[in-house]
N, C-alpha and C. Protein backbone atom coordinates (compact mmCIF):
# COMPACT_ATOMS: atom_id res chain seq x y z
N MET A 1 114.00 75.85 86.24
CA MET A 1 112.58 76.04 86.40
C MET A 1 111.83 75.43 85.23
N LEU A 2 112.30 75.69 84.02
CA LEU A 2 111.63 75.17 82.83
C LEU A 2 111.62 73.64 82.82
N GLU A 3 112.76 73.05 83.11
CA GLU A 3 112.85 71.59 83.07
C GLU A 3 111.97 70.95 84.14
N LEU A 4 111.95 71.53 85.33
CA LEU A 4 111.10 70.99 86.39
C LEU A 4 109.62 71.08 86.02
N TYR A 5 109.22 72.19 85.43
CA TYR A 5 107.82 72.33 85.05
C TYR A 5 107.47 71.37 83.92
N ARG A 6 108.38 71.18 82.98
CA ARG A 6 108.12 70.24 81.89
C ARG A 6 107.98 68.82 82.42
N GLN A 7 108.77 68.46 83.42
CA GLN A 7 108.64 67.15 84.05
C GLN A 7 107.26 67.02 84.71
N HIS A 8 106.85 68.07 85.39
CA HIS A 8 105.54 68.10 86.04
C HIS A 8 104.43 67.90 85.01
N VAL A 9 104.52 68.60 83.88
CA VAL A 9 103.52 68.49 82.82
C VAL A 9 103.48 67.06 82.29
N ALA A 10 104.64 66.47 82.07
CA ALA A 10 104.71 65.11 81.53
C ALA A 10 104.11 64.10 82.52
N GLU A 11 104.42 64.26 83.81
CA GLU A 11 103.88 63.36 84.83
C GLU A 11 102.37 63.43 84.88
N ARG A 12 101.83 64.63 84.87
CA ARG A 12 100.38 64.81 84.94
C ARG A 12 99.71 64.33 83.65
N SER A 13 100.37 64.54 82.52
CA SER A 13 99.83 64.08 81.25
C SER A 13 99.74 62.55 81.24
N ALA A 14 100.74 61.89 81.79
CA ALA A 14 100.73 60.43 81.86
C ALA A 14 99.56 59.93 82.71
N LEU A 15 99.12 60.73 83.67
CA LEU A 15 97.99 60.37 84.50
C LEU A 15 96.66 60.80 83.89
N GLY A 16 96.73 61.52 82.78
CA GLY A 16 95.53 61.97 82.10
C GLY A 16 94.88 63.19 82.73
N ILE A 17 95.68 63.99 83.46
CA ILE A 17 95.16 65.19 84.10
C ILE A 17 95.99 66.40 83.68
N PRO A 18 95.39 67.58 83.67
CA PRO A 18 96.12 68.77 83.24
C PRO A 18 97.16 69.19 84.30
N PRO A 19 98.17 69.91 83.87
CA PRO A 19 99.18 70.39 84.82
C PRO A 19 98.59 71.43 85.76
N LEU A 20 99.18 71.53 86.92
CA LEU A 20 98.78 72.57 87.87
C LEU A 20 99.24 73.92 87.35
N PRO A 21 98.54 74.99 87.71
CA PRO A 21 99.03 76.32 87.33
C PRO A 21 100.32 76.64 88.08
N LEU A 22 101.02 77.63 87.60
CA LEU A 22 102.27 78.03 88.25
C LEU A 22 102.00 78.60 89.63
N SER A 23 102.92 78.32 90.53
CA SER A 23 102.85 78.92 91.87
C SER A 23 103.43 80.33 91.79
N ALA A 24 103.33 81.07 92.87
CA ALA A 24 103.89 82.43 92.90
C ALA A 24 105.40 82.38 92.71
N GLU A 25 106.05 81.41 93.32
CA GLU A 25 107.50 81.28 93.17
C GLU A 25 107.88 80.96 91.73
N GLN A 26 107.14 80.05 91.11
CA GLN A 26 107.40 79.70 89.72
C GLN A 26 107.12 80.89 88.81
N ALA A 27 106.10 81.66 89.11
CA ALA A 27 105.78 82.84 88.31
C ALA A 27 106.91 83.86 88.40
N ALA A 28 107.46 84.03 89.59
CA ALA A 28 108.58 84.96 89.76
C ALA A 28 109.80 84.48 88.97
N ASP A 29 110.07 83.17 89.01
CA ASP A 29 111.18 82.62 88.23
C ASP A 29 110.94 82.81 86.74
N LEU A 30 109.69 82.62 86.31
CA LEU A 30 109.34 82.81 84.91
C LEU A 30 109.57 84.26 84.48
N CYS A 31 109.17 85.19 85.31
CA CYS A 31 109.37 86.62 84.99
C CYS A 31 110.85 86.93 84.85
N GLU A 32 111.68 86.35 85.69
CA GLU A 32 113.12 86.57 85.58
C GLU A 32 113.66 85.99 84.28
N LEU A 33 113.16 84.81 83.91
CA LEU A 33 113.59 84.19 82.65
C LEU A 33 113.17 85.04 81.45
N LEU A 34 112.01 85.66 81.54
CA LEU A 34 111.53 86.48 80.42
C LEU A 34 112.38 87.73 80.21
N LYS A 35 113.05 88.17 81.24
CA LYS A 35 113.92 89.35 81.10
C LYS A 35 115.11 89.05 80.20
N ASN A 36 115.58 87.80 80.23
CA ASN A 36 116.70 87.36 79.39
C ASN A 36 116.44 85.91 79.03
N PRO A 37 115.54 85.66 78.06
CA PRO A 37 115.12 84.29 77.76
C PRO A 37 116.23 83.45 77.12
N PRO A 38 116.27 82.17 77.48
CA PRO A 38 117.20 81.27 76.79
C PRO A 38 116.83 81.19 75.30
N ALA A 39 117.82 81.03 74.47
CA ALA A 39 117.58 80.96 73.02
C ALA A 39 116.61 79.84 72.68
N GLY A 40 115.61 80.18 71.89
CA GLY A 40 114.64 79.21 71.45
C GLY A 40 113.50 78.94 72.41
N GLU A 41 113.52 79.54 73.58
CA GLU A 41 112.49 79.29 74.59
C GLU A 41 111.48 80.42 74.72
N GLU A 42 111.62 81.45 73.90
CA GLU A 42 110.77 82.63 74.02
C GLU A 42 109.28 82.29 73.94
N ALA A 43 108.90 81.51 72.94
CA ALA A 43 107.49 81.16 72.73
C ALA A 43 106.96 80.32 73.90
N ALA A 44 107.75 79.38 74.37
CA ALA A 44 107.32 78.54 75.50
C ALA A 44 107.14 79.38 76.76
N LEU A 45 108.02 80.33 76.97
CA LEU A 45 107.92 81.19 78.16
C LEU A 45 106.67 82.07 78.08
N MET A 46 106.39 82.61 76.90
CA MET A 46 105.20 83.44 76.74
C MET A 46 103.92 82.62 76.90
N GLU A 47 103.94 81.38 76.43
CA GLU A 47 102.79 80.49 76.60
C GLU A 47 102.55 80.23 78.08
N MET A 48 103.62 80.02 78.81
CA MET A 48 103.49 79.79 80.26
C MET A 48 102.93 81.04 80.94
N LEU A 49 103.40 82.21 80.53
CA LEU A 49 102.94 83.45 81.14
C LEU A 49 101.45 83.68 80.88
N THR A 50 101.01 83.39 79.67
CA THR A 50 99.62 83.66 79.33
C THR A 50 98.66 82.56 79.74
N ASP A 51 99.11 81.30 79.72
CA ASP A 51 98.19 80.18 79.93
C ASP A 51 98.37 79.41 81.23
N ARG A 52 99.45 79.57 81.92
CA ARG A 52 99.72 78.75 83.10
C ARG A 52 99.63 79.51 84.43
N ILE A 53 99.25 80.77 84.36
CA ILE A 53 99.06 81.56 85.59
C ILE A 53 97.57 81.86 85.69
N PRO A 54 96.94 81.45 86.78
CA PRO A 54 95.49 81.65 86.89
C PRO A 54 95.13 83.13 87.02
N PRO A 55 94.00 83.52 86.44
CA PRO A 55 93.56 84.91 86.57
C PRO A 55 92.99 85.16 87.96
N GLY A 56 92.84 86.41 88.29
CA GLY A 56 92.18 86.75 89.55
C GLY A 56 93.13 87.17 90.64
N VAL A 57 92.82 86.72 91.84
CA VAL A 57 93.54 87.19 93.03
C VAL A 57 94.53 86.16 93.56
N ASP A 58 94.93 85.23 92.74
CA ASP A 58 95.94 84.24 93.09
C ASP A 58 97.29 84.94 93.27
N GLN A 59 98.14 84.41 94.12
CA GLN A 59 99.46 85.02 94.35
C GLN A 59 100.30 85.05 93.07
N ALA A 60 100.19 84.01 92.25
CA ALA A 60 100.93 84.00 90.99
C ALA A 60 100.43 85.10 90.07
N ALA A 61 99.13 85.36 90.08
CA ALA A 61 98.57 86.43 89.25
C ALA A 61 99.08 87.79 89.74
N TYR A 62 99.27 87.92 91.03
CA TYR A 62 99.82 89.16 91.60
C TYR A 62 101.26 89.36 91.09
N VAL A 63 102.04 88.30 91.06
CA VAL A 63 103.43 88.38 90.56
C VAL A 63 103.40 88.77 89.09
N LYS A 64 102.51 88.15 88.31
CA LYS A 64 102.40 88.46 86.88
C LYS A 64 102.01 89.93 86.68
N ALA A 65 101.07 90.41 87.44
CA ALA A 65 100.63 91.81 87.31
C ALA A 65 101.76 92.77 87.65
N GLY A 66 102.58 92.43 88.60
CA GLY A 66 103.71 93.27 88.96
C GLY A 66 104.79 93.29 87.89
N PHE A 67 104.84 92.24 87.11
CA PHE A 67 105.84 92.14 86.04
C PHE A 67 105.45 93.04 84.90
């Protein structure tokens, strides 16, 4: 999940546009990773949780709230 999202970020950056927010499925995968984070990825995972999930009534926000 991390590698795929990083590829997405790089592709969008090359086009000069910001990355898309996480989908509900990606948010669920992120929550699972946060339960047992890979070594050295803790800060990146927390940044994704705080900055890459849209606020409000989005499905990804619902997954984050449940976590």
